[in-house]
Amino acid sequence: MNNIYIYNVRVRLLLLMFAAILLTACSDDTDRVTDGNGKLPDGTDKVVDDPNKQAEDTDFLRIAAYIQDMVSPPWSAATRAVTVPSDYSEYKYTGSASIGVFMTPSATEMTLISYEDNVWHSLVKVTENTPYFIYGYMPAYATCAIEKSGQTYEDGAVLRFTGVPSVMSEDFSVITGVLQLDPDPDHEGKAIETGTLKAGIFAYTGRASGKNYVDLMFDHLYGALNISLKVDADYHALRTIKLKELKLRTASANGATTKSKTDVTVTLKKTDGANPISSVVFTPSSSGEDLSDISFFHSATGQLLDIEPSSFMGHFMPQGISTFIVTSVYDVYDKGGNLIRKDCVAENTLKIGTLFNQQTETHRGWKYNINMTIMPTFLYMLSEPDLDNPTVVVN
């Protein structure tokens, strides 16, 4: 079905040895350390021998610290020959993203991997010849704890997330497989990365500095709502629409709205090629209030809409959801660029059972495509003022 889309991702990361981590940490700190207020670098007051002598009469050392800009090592541009499962695609992101990882069993504290300027930046520390089991998730701002699901972390892990937003603009996923990549020793660290990416394998062994490569597989914990929004052609000839916000709340079959926060427990098992997610449990957060329209798109100035559809995607906790309530907020301009109506609001209630055949509730890892059009509520004439908000209809 065209309206069902299972989207999995693969990313390539560079894991750094401890010495490299120290350089990375330095480059992230403030470049200059100066003090013009009579304070020493440790924050204490400058001692003045003569209490009647002003501190500004005594010079003290002023420091500016610099560090050389970091460059990517030559082996980061590796030749790839990795076999990827047919239902997976490489993770692409135009903005910033983050992954939280647990390098068990030696560390059960989350470590951050960030994605900025089309590059993955790793702060993960690994030690040569040390075995690890990599478990993780994105986005990394979610609060998470880890524990063994079996006798050891080799058998699997339980990830417990607390207070996850029930609707978010970002995808919410967990690592379901790890492929360790060995550099070709004949190419001075310029890796020729080979292997078969398989789910259910989480083992990784640390390599020497500059030779740590890994591919990560992800699977979704949430569902996705993809709205294709356009303006009616006749109305577009008279008015210009700028979308400012899309908000979503979800409801179960009995009409109860979803809590704004969700606790999620994910159990992962070692499976060697099969789906390692043995269970996902969604629990309304005890501190969560009833969901009241959480934004998954926002633009202060408004995004211009046209007669060709623009896509906007939000992600939501899928368990028991049978209804989407979508709220659109937009401004209306005349063709001269003058603001006619500000913050128009249209609310649409979308029943899963009506829009999608043979399905009454949403599922994890599915994307629901809905086409919507902004239309006028009456026939406009050029001389008439806007007497009502244009409505949004489902095609």
Protein backbone atom coordinates (compact mmCIF):
# COMPACT_ATOMS: atom_id res chain seq x y z
CA MET A 1 0.00 0.00 0.00
CA ASN A 2 1.31 3.46 -0.86
CA ASN A 3 0.24 4.85 2.47
CA ILE A 4 2.36 2.38 4.44
CA TYR A 5 6.07 3.04 4.62
CA ILE A 6 8.54 1.29 6.90
CA TYR A 7 11.59 3.53 7.10
CA ASN A 8 14.80 2.14 8.57
CA VAL A 9 18.11 3.89 8.66
CA ARG A 10 21.84 3.16 8.57
CA VAL A 11 24.54 5.53 9.68
CA ARG A 12 28.33 5.39 9.61
CA LEU A 13 30.19 6.60 12.68
CA LEU A 14 33.82 7.14 13.57
CA LEU A 15 34.64 5.96 17.12
CA LEU A 16 37.67 7.73 18.53
CA MET A 17 40.35 6.58 20.95
CA PHE A 18 40.73 8.44 24.25
CA ALA A 19 43.56 10.69 23.07
CA ALA A 20 41.46 11.90 20.17
CA ILE A 21 38.55 12.48 22.52
CA LEU A 22 40.63 14.94 24.51
CA LEU A 23 41.23 16.99 21.37
CA THR A 24 37.57 16.89 20.46
CA ALA A 25 36.58 18.09 23.90
CA CYS A 26 39.02 20.97 23.65
CA SER A 27 37.69 22.07 20.31
CA ASP A 28 34.19 22.25 21.74
CA ASP A 29 35.23 24.52 24.63
CA THR A 30 35.42 28.31 24.50
CA ASP A 31 38.38 29.32 22.36
CA ARG A 32 39.56 32.23 24.52
CA VAL A 33 39.99 32.64 28.26
CA THR A 34 40.36 36.27 29.33
CA ASP A 35 39.51 38.23 32.44
CA GLY A 36 39.34 41.99 32.68
CA ASN A 37 37.82 42.18 36.15
CA GLY A 38 40.87 41.65 38.33
CA LYS A 39 40.29 37.90 38.68
CA LEU A 40 42.94 35.23 38.39
CA PRO A 41 42.24 32.25 36.12
CA ASP A 42 41.02 30.24 39.15
CA GLY A 43 38.45 32.94 39.96
CA THR A 44 40.17 34.34 43.08
CA ASP A 45 40.79 38.03 43.58
CA LYS A 46 44.14 39.51 42.59
CA VAL A 47 46.23 40.28 45.70
CA VAL A 48 47.29 43.93 45.97
CA ASP A 49 50.13 44.55 48.43
CA ASP A 50 49.17 48.16 49.13
CA PRO A 51 45.48 48.28 50.15
CA ASN A 52 45.36 51.93 49.07
CA LYS A 53 46.74 51.10 45.63
CA GLN A 54 44.08 50.49 42.99
CA ALA A 55 44.09 47.05 41.39
CA GLU A 56 44.05 48.55 37.91
CA ASP A 57 47.52 50.01 38.54
CA THR A 58 48.97 46.49 38.70
CA ASP A 59 49.20 44.56 35.47
CA PHE A 60 48.47 40.88 35.48
CA LEU A 61 48.79 38.19 32.87
CA ARG A 62 45.96 38.07 30.33
CA ILE A 63 45.59 34.78 28.52
CA ALA A 64 44.15 33.88 25.15
CA ALA A 65 44.11 30.15 24.40
CA TYR A 66 43.82 28.75 20.88
CA ILE A 67 43.68 25.29 19.42
CA GLN A 68 44.33 24.28 15.84
CA ASP A 69 41.23 23.56 13.79
CA MET A 70 40.52 19.86 13.52
CA VAL A 71 40.47 18.18 10.13
CA SER A 72 38.99 14.86 9.10
CA PRO A 73 41.58 12.06 8.90
CA PRO A 74 42.17 10.66 5.41
CA TRP A 75 40.66 7.30 6.30
CA SER A 76 37.29 8.85 7.08
CA ALA A 77 36.49 8.84 3.35
CA ALA A 78 36.38 5.08 3.06
CA THR A 79 35.52 2.88 0.11
CA ARG A 80 32.30 1.09 1.01
CA ALA A 81 31.27 -2.41 0.07
CA VAL A 82 28.73 -3.10 2.80
CA THR A 83 25.71 -5.24 1.98
CA VAL A 84 22.57 -3.55 3.29
CA PRO A 85 19.18 -5.26 3.73
CA SER A 86 16.74 -4.30 0.99
CA ASP A 87 14.26 -2.67 3.39
CA TYR A 88 16.86 -0.34 4.89
CA SER A 89 18.08 3.00 3.56
CA GLU A 90 20.95 5.24 4.61
CA TYR A 91 20.01 7.84 7.16
CA LYS A 92 19.79 11.30 5.61
CA TYR A 93 19.18 14.45 7.60
CA THR A 94 19.35 18.09 6.53
CA GLY A 95 19.67 19.62 9.99
CA SER A 96 21.12 18.36 13.26
CA ALA A 97 20.56 15.01 14.92
CA SER A 98 21.91 13.03 17.84
CA ILE A 99 22.38 9.43 18.95
CA GLY A 100 22.80 8.26 22.53
CA VAL A 101 24.87 5.10 22.93
CA PHE A 102 25.73 2.77 25.80
CA MET A 103 29.12 1.06 25.42
CA THR A 104 28.40 -1.89 27.70
CA PRO A 105 29.50 -3.66 29.80
CA SER A 106 32.24 -1.19 30.76
CA ALA A 107 29.98 1.87 30.65
CA THR A 108 26.27 2.19 31.28
CA GLU A 109 26.24 5.98 31.02
CA MET A 110 24.92 7.41 27.78
CA THR A 111 27.49 8.96 25.42
CA LEU A 112 26.55 11.40 22.67
CA ILE A 113 27.06 11.19 18.93
CA SER A 114 25.93 14.31 17.11
CA TYR A 115 25.22 15.10 13.46
CA GLU A 116 26.14 18.60 12.33
CA ASP A 117 27.07 19.97 8.90
CA ASN A 118 26.50 16.57 7.28
CA VAL A 119 29.13 14.92 9.49
CA TRP A 120 28.79 12.59 12.47
CA HIS A 121 30.84 13.78 15.46
CA SER A 122 31.62 11.04 17.99
CA LEU A 123 32.58 11.46 21.64
CA VAL A 124 32.53 7.71 22.21
CA LYS A 125 35.64 6.35 23.95
CA VAL A 126 36.84 2.87 23.03
CA THR A 127 39.91 0.94 24.15
CA GLU A 128 41.88 -1.33 21.84
CA ASN A 129 41.08 -5.05 22.14
CA THR A 130 38.23 -4.36 24.57
CA PRO A 131 34.88 -6.04 23.83
CA TYR A 132 31.74 -3.90 23.86
CA PHE A 133 28.05 -4.30 23.14
CA ILE A 134 26.57 -1.16 21.58
CA TYR A 135 22.98 -0.23 22.44
CA GLY A 136 21.47 3.15 21.72
CA TYR A 137 18.72 5.37 20.39
CA MET A 138 17.91 8.68 18.77
CA PRO A 139 17.19 11.46 19.40
CA ALA A 140 19.60 11.47 22.32
CA TYR A 141 17.75 14.02 24.44
CA ALA A 142 15.36 11.33 25.68
CA THR A 143 16.09 10.17 29.24
CA CYS A 144 17.13 6.53 29.18
CA ALA A 145 18.54 3.84 31.48
CA ILE A 146 19.91 0.44 30.47
CA GLU A 147 19.99 -3.01 32.05
CA LYS A 148 20.74 -6.56 30.92
CA SER A 149 17.87 -8.54 29.39
CA GLY A 150 19.70 -11.84 29.95
CA GLN A 151 22.77 -13.09 31.80
CA THR A 152 25.08 -10.63 30.05
CA TYR A 153 24.79 -7.67 27.68
CA GLU A 154 25.78 -10.04 24.90
CA ASP A 155 22.33 -11.61 25.27
CA GLY A 156 20.51 -8.29 24.93
CA ALA A 157 19.43 -5.20 26.83
CA VAL A 158 16.41 -3.40 28.22
CA LEU A 159 16.16 0.32 27.48
CA ARG A 160 13.82 2.30 29.72
CA PHE A 161 12.83 5.75 28.47
CA THR A 162 10.99 8.20 30.72
CA GLY A 163 8.95 11.24 29.81
CA VAL A 164 9.20 10.92 26.03
CA PRO A 165 6.91 13.39 24.18
CA SER A 166 3.98 11.52 22.68
CA VAL A 167 4.24 13.70 19.56
CA MET A 168 7.53 15.00 18.20
CA SER A 169 9.01 16.38 15.01
CA GLU A 170 11.92 13.93 15.11
CA ASP A 171 11.97 10.21 14.51
CA PHE A 172 12.27 8.05 17.66
CA SER A 173 14.31 4.91 17.01
CA VAL A 174 16.59 2.34 18.65
CA ILE A 175 19.72 0.59 17.43
CA THR A 176 18.85 -2.93 16.29
CA GLY A 177 22.20 -4.05 14.84
CA VAL A 178 25.92 -3.31 14.75
CA LEU A 179 28.40 -4.10 11.99
CA GLN A 180 32.07 -3.79 12.93
CA LEU A 181 34.20 -2.65 10.00
CA ASP A 182 37.91 -3.46 9.73
CA PRO A 183 40.24 -1.11 7.83
CA ASP A 184 42.32 -2.66 5.07
CA PRO A 185 45.84 -2.95 6.54
CA ASP A 186 47.39 -2.49 3.08
CA HIS A 187 45.97 1.00 2.67
CA GLU A 188 47.48 2.78 5.69
CA GLY A 189 44.19 3.09 7.50
CA LYS A 190 42.16 4.02 4.42
CA ALA A 191 39.49 1.47 5.15
CA ILE A 192 37.84 -0.69 2.56
CA GLU A 193 34.73 -1.43 4.55
CA THR A 194 33.13 -4.77 3.87
CA GLY A 195 30.59 -6.94 5.59
CA THR A 196 26.91 -7.80 5.80
CA LEU A 197 24.67 -5.60 7.92
CA LYS A 198 22.41 -7.80 10.04
CA ALA A 199 20.00 -7.08 12.85
CA GLY A 200 20.41 -8.67 16.25
CA ILE A 201 24.20 -8.33 16.51
CA PHE A 202 25.47 -5.76 19.03
CA ALA A 203 29.10 -6.83 19.57
CA TYR A 204 32.04 -4.53 18.87
CA THR A 205 35.76 -4.86 19.72
CA GLY A 206 37.86 -1.75 20.09
CA ARG A 207 40.61 -1.16 17.52
CA ALA A 208 43.73 1.02 17.51
CA SER A 209 43.31 4.76 17.22
CA GLY A 210 41.95 5.86 13.85
CA LYS A 211 40.70 2.39 12.91
CA ASN A 212 37.33 2.27 14.63
CA TYR A 213 34.44 2.04 12.19
CA VAL A 214 30.90 0.86 12.78
CA ASP A 215 27.61 0.73 10.89
CA LEU A 216 24.44 1.02 12.96
CA MET A 217 20.97 -0.24 12.11
CA PHE A 218 17.89 1.49 13.50
CA ASP A 219 14.21 0.63 13.76
CA HIS A 220 11.29 2.84 14.75
CA LEU A 221 9.51 3.03 18.08
CA TYR A 222 6.91 5.55 16.87
CA GLY A 223 4.64 5.88 13.88
CA ALA A 224 4.71 8.81 11.46
CA LEU A 225 2.03 11.12 10.07
CA ASN A 226 3.02 12.67 6.74
CA ILE A 227 0.76 15.52 5.61
CA SER A 228 0.95 16.76 2.02
CA LEU A 229 -0.56 20.24 2.15
CA LYS A 230 -1.40 22.43 -0.84
CA VAL A 231 -3.62 25.40 -1.74
CA ASP A 232 -6.67 25.12 -3.98
CA ALA A 233 -5.71 26.43 -7.45
CA ASP A 234 -8.63 28.88 -7.78
CA TYR A 235 -8.04 30.26 -4.32
CA HIS A 236 -4.27 30.47 -4.93
CA ALA A 237 -4.97 32.83 -7.85
CA LEU A 238 -6.41 35.34 -5.37
CA ARG A 239 -4.54 34.77 -2.14
CA THR A 240 -1.14 33.66 -0.81
CA ILE A 241 -0.95 31.25 2.14
CA LYS A 242 1.97 30.94 4.55
CA LEU A 243 1.83 28.01 6.95
CA LYS A 244 3.04 28.87 10.45
CA GLU A 245 2.31 25.76 12.47
CA LEU A 246 1.02 22.20 12.36
CA LYS A 247 -0.12 20.66 15.62
CA LEU A 248 -1.24 17.14 16.42
CA ARG A 249 -3.06 15.40 19.19
CA THR A 250 -4.04 11.76 19.13
CA ALA A 251 -6.92 9.79 20.59
CA SER A 252 -7.88 6.18 21.23
CA ALA A 253 -11.01 4.39 20.01
CA ASN A 254 -12.99 5.49 23.06
CA GLY A 255 -12.13 9.14 22.37
CA ALA A 256 -9.65 9.56 25.21
CA THR A 257 -6.76 11.84 24.26
CA THR A 258 -3.22 10.56 24.64
CA LYS A 259 -1.07 11.77 27.52
CA SER A 260 1.54 14.32 26.51
CA LYS A 261 4.37 12.20 27.96
CA THR A 262 5.05 8.49 27.55
CA ASP A 263 7.37 6.02 29.25
CA VAL A 264 8.72 3.43 26.83
CA THR A 265 10.38 0.11 27.66
CA VAL A 266 12.19 -1.69 24.84
CA THR A 267 13.56 -5.22 25.22
CA LEU A 268 16.29 -6.22 22.76
CA LYS A 269 17.55 -9.79 22.25
CA LYS A 270 20.55 -11.16 20.39
CA THR A 271 19.03 -12.80 17.31
CA ASP A 272 21.72 -12.83 14.53
CA GLY A 273 19.73 -11.65 11.56
CA ALA A 274 16.18 -11.57 12.90
CA ASN A 275 14.30 -8.69 14.50
CA PRO A 276 15.87 -8.25 17.96
CA ILE A 277 13.01 -6.14 19.35
CA SER A 278 11.11 -8.68 21.43
CA SER A 279 8.76 -6.14 23.00
CA VAL A 280 7.92 -2.44 23.15
CA VAL A 281 5.72 -1.27 26.03
CA PHE A 282 4.22 2.23 26.00
CA THR A 283 2.99 3.55 29.36
CA PRO A 284 1.40 6.97 29.90
CA SER A 285 3.74 9.00 32.06
CA SER A 286 2.44 9.60 35.57
CA SER A 287 3.46 13.25 35.19
CA GLY A 288 1.97 13.60 31.72
CA GLU A 289 -1.10 15.74 31.19
CA ASP A 290 -3.74 15.22 28.53
CA LEU A 291 -2.35 15.96 25.11
CA SER A 292 -3.30 19.40 23.85
CA ASP A 293 -1.95 19.94 20.35
CA ILE A 294 1.81 19.39 20.25
CA SER A 295 3.60 21.12 17.37
CA PHE A 296 5.52 19.07 14.84
CA PHE A 297 6.09 22.00 12.46
CA HIS A 298 6.61 25.66 13.33
CA SER A 299 7.74 28.70 11.35
CA ALA A 300 7.59 32.20 12.82
CA THR A 301 7.50 33.87 9.40
CA GLY A 302 5.47 31.13 7.70
CA GLN A 303 6.30 28.70 4.92
CA LEU A 304 4.87 29.57 1.55
CA LEU A 305 2.35 27.01 0.26
CA ASP A 306 1.56 26.48 -3.40
CA ILE A 307 -0.77 24.47 -5.63
CA GLU A 308 1.90 21.73 -5.55
CA PRO A 309 1.90 19.82 -2.23
CA SER A 310 4.51 20.35 0.49
CA SER A 311 5.18 17.53 2.95
CA PHE A 312 5.30 17.86 6.73
CA MET A 313 5.95 14.87 8.96
CA GLY A 314 5.38 14.33 12.66
CA HIS A 315 6.01 11.25 14.81
CA PHE A 316 3.68 9.89 17.47
CA MET A 317 3.33 7.17 20.07
CA PRO A 318 1.29 4.56 18.11
CA GLN A 319 -0.25 2.27 20.69
CA GLY A 320 -4.07 2.33 20.63
CA ILE A 321 -4.29 5.41 18.40
CA SER A 322 -7.35 5.51 16.15
CA THR A 323 -7.74 9.28 15.54
CA PHE A 324 -5.52 12.18 14.49
CA ILE A 325 -6.63 15.73 15.32
CA VAL A 326 -4.56 18.05 13.11
CA THR A 327 -4.58 21.82 13.61
CA SER A 328 -3.22 24.11 10.89
CA VAL A 329 -2.25 27.73 11.62
CA TYR A 330 -1.51 30.07 8.70
CA ASP A 331 -1.58 33.67 7.48
CA VAL A 332 -3.44 34.90 4.38
CA TYR A 333 -1.97 37.57 2.05
CA ASP A 334 -3.31 39.22 -1.07
CA LYS A 335 -1.27 39.02 -4.25
CA GLY A 336 0.26 42.40 -3.46
CA GLY A 337 1.89 40.92 -0.36
CA ASN A 338 -0.45 42.63 2.11
CA LEU A 339 -1.45 40.64 5.18
CA ILE A 340 -5.21 40.04 5.04
CA ARG A 341 -5.85 37.60 7.87
CA LYS A 342 -3.43 36.57 10.60
CA ASP A 343 -3.29 33.20 12.42
CA CYS A 344 -6.15 31.47 10.66
CA VAL A 345 -6.91 28.15 12.38
CA ALA A 346 -8.37 25.00 10.86
CA GLU A 347 -8.88 21.75 12.79
CA ASN A 348 -9.35 18.38 11.09
CA THR A 349 -10.33 15.15 12.85
CA LEU A 350 -9.03 12.16 10.91
CA LYS A 351 -10.30 8.67 11.67
CA ILE A 352 -7.84 5.87 10.90
CA GLY A 353 -10.60 3.41 10.05
CA THR A 354 -12.10 5.84 7.50
CA LEU A 355 -8.89 6.81 5.76
CA PHE A 356 -7.07 3.48 5.75
CA ASN A 357 -8.86 0.27 4.80
CA GLN A 358 -8.85 -2.67 7.20
CA GLN A 359 -6.99 -0.77 9.92
CA THR A 360 -8.52 0.69 13.05
CA GLU A 361 -5.35 1.54 15.01
CA THR A 362 -1.89 2.79 14.10
CA HIS A 363 1.24 0.65 14.24
CA ARG A 364 4.86 1.19 15.18
CA GLY A 365 7.11 1.89 12.20
CA TRP A 366 4.28 2.80 9.78
CA LYS A 367 3.90 6.11 7.98
CA TYR A 368 0.41 7.44 7.29
CA ASN A 369 0.18 9.73 4.25
CA ILE A 370 -2.70 12.21 4.17
CA ASN A 371 -3.36 14.77 1.42
CA MET A 372 -4.94 18.06 2.51
CA THR A 373 -5.94 21.23 0.63
CA ILE A 374 -6.62 24.77 1.86
CA MET A 375 -9.85 25.98 0.25
CA PRO A 376 -12.10 29.06 0.65
CA THR A 377 -15.43 28.77 2.45
CA PHE A 378 -17.22 30.85 -0.19
CA LEU A 379 -16.69 32.04 -3.74
CA TYR A 380 -14.36 35.03 -3.72
CA MET A 381 -14.57 38.12 -5.82
CA LEU A 382 -11.58 40.40 -6.09
CA SER A 383 -13.51 43.30 -4.55
CA GLU A 384 -14.70 41.31 -1.52
CA PRO A 385 -12.92 41.29 1.83
CA ASP A 386 -12.06 37.97 3.50
CA LEU A 387 -15.15 37.28 5.56
CA ASP A 388 -14.12 33.90 6.94
CA ASN A 389 -11.12 31.62 7.45
CA PRO A 390 -10.39 29.35 4.49
CA THR A 391 -10.86 25.73 5.53
CA VAL A 392 -8.55 22.75 5.18
CA VAL A 393 -10.12 19.66 3.65
CA VAL A 394 -8.88 16.08 3.30
CA ASN A 395 -8.66 14.92 -0.30
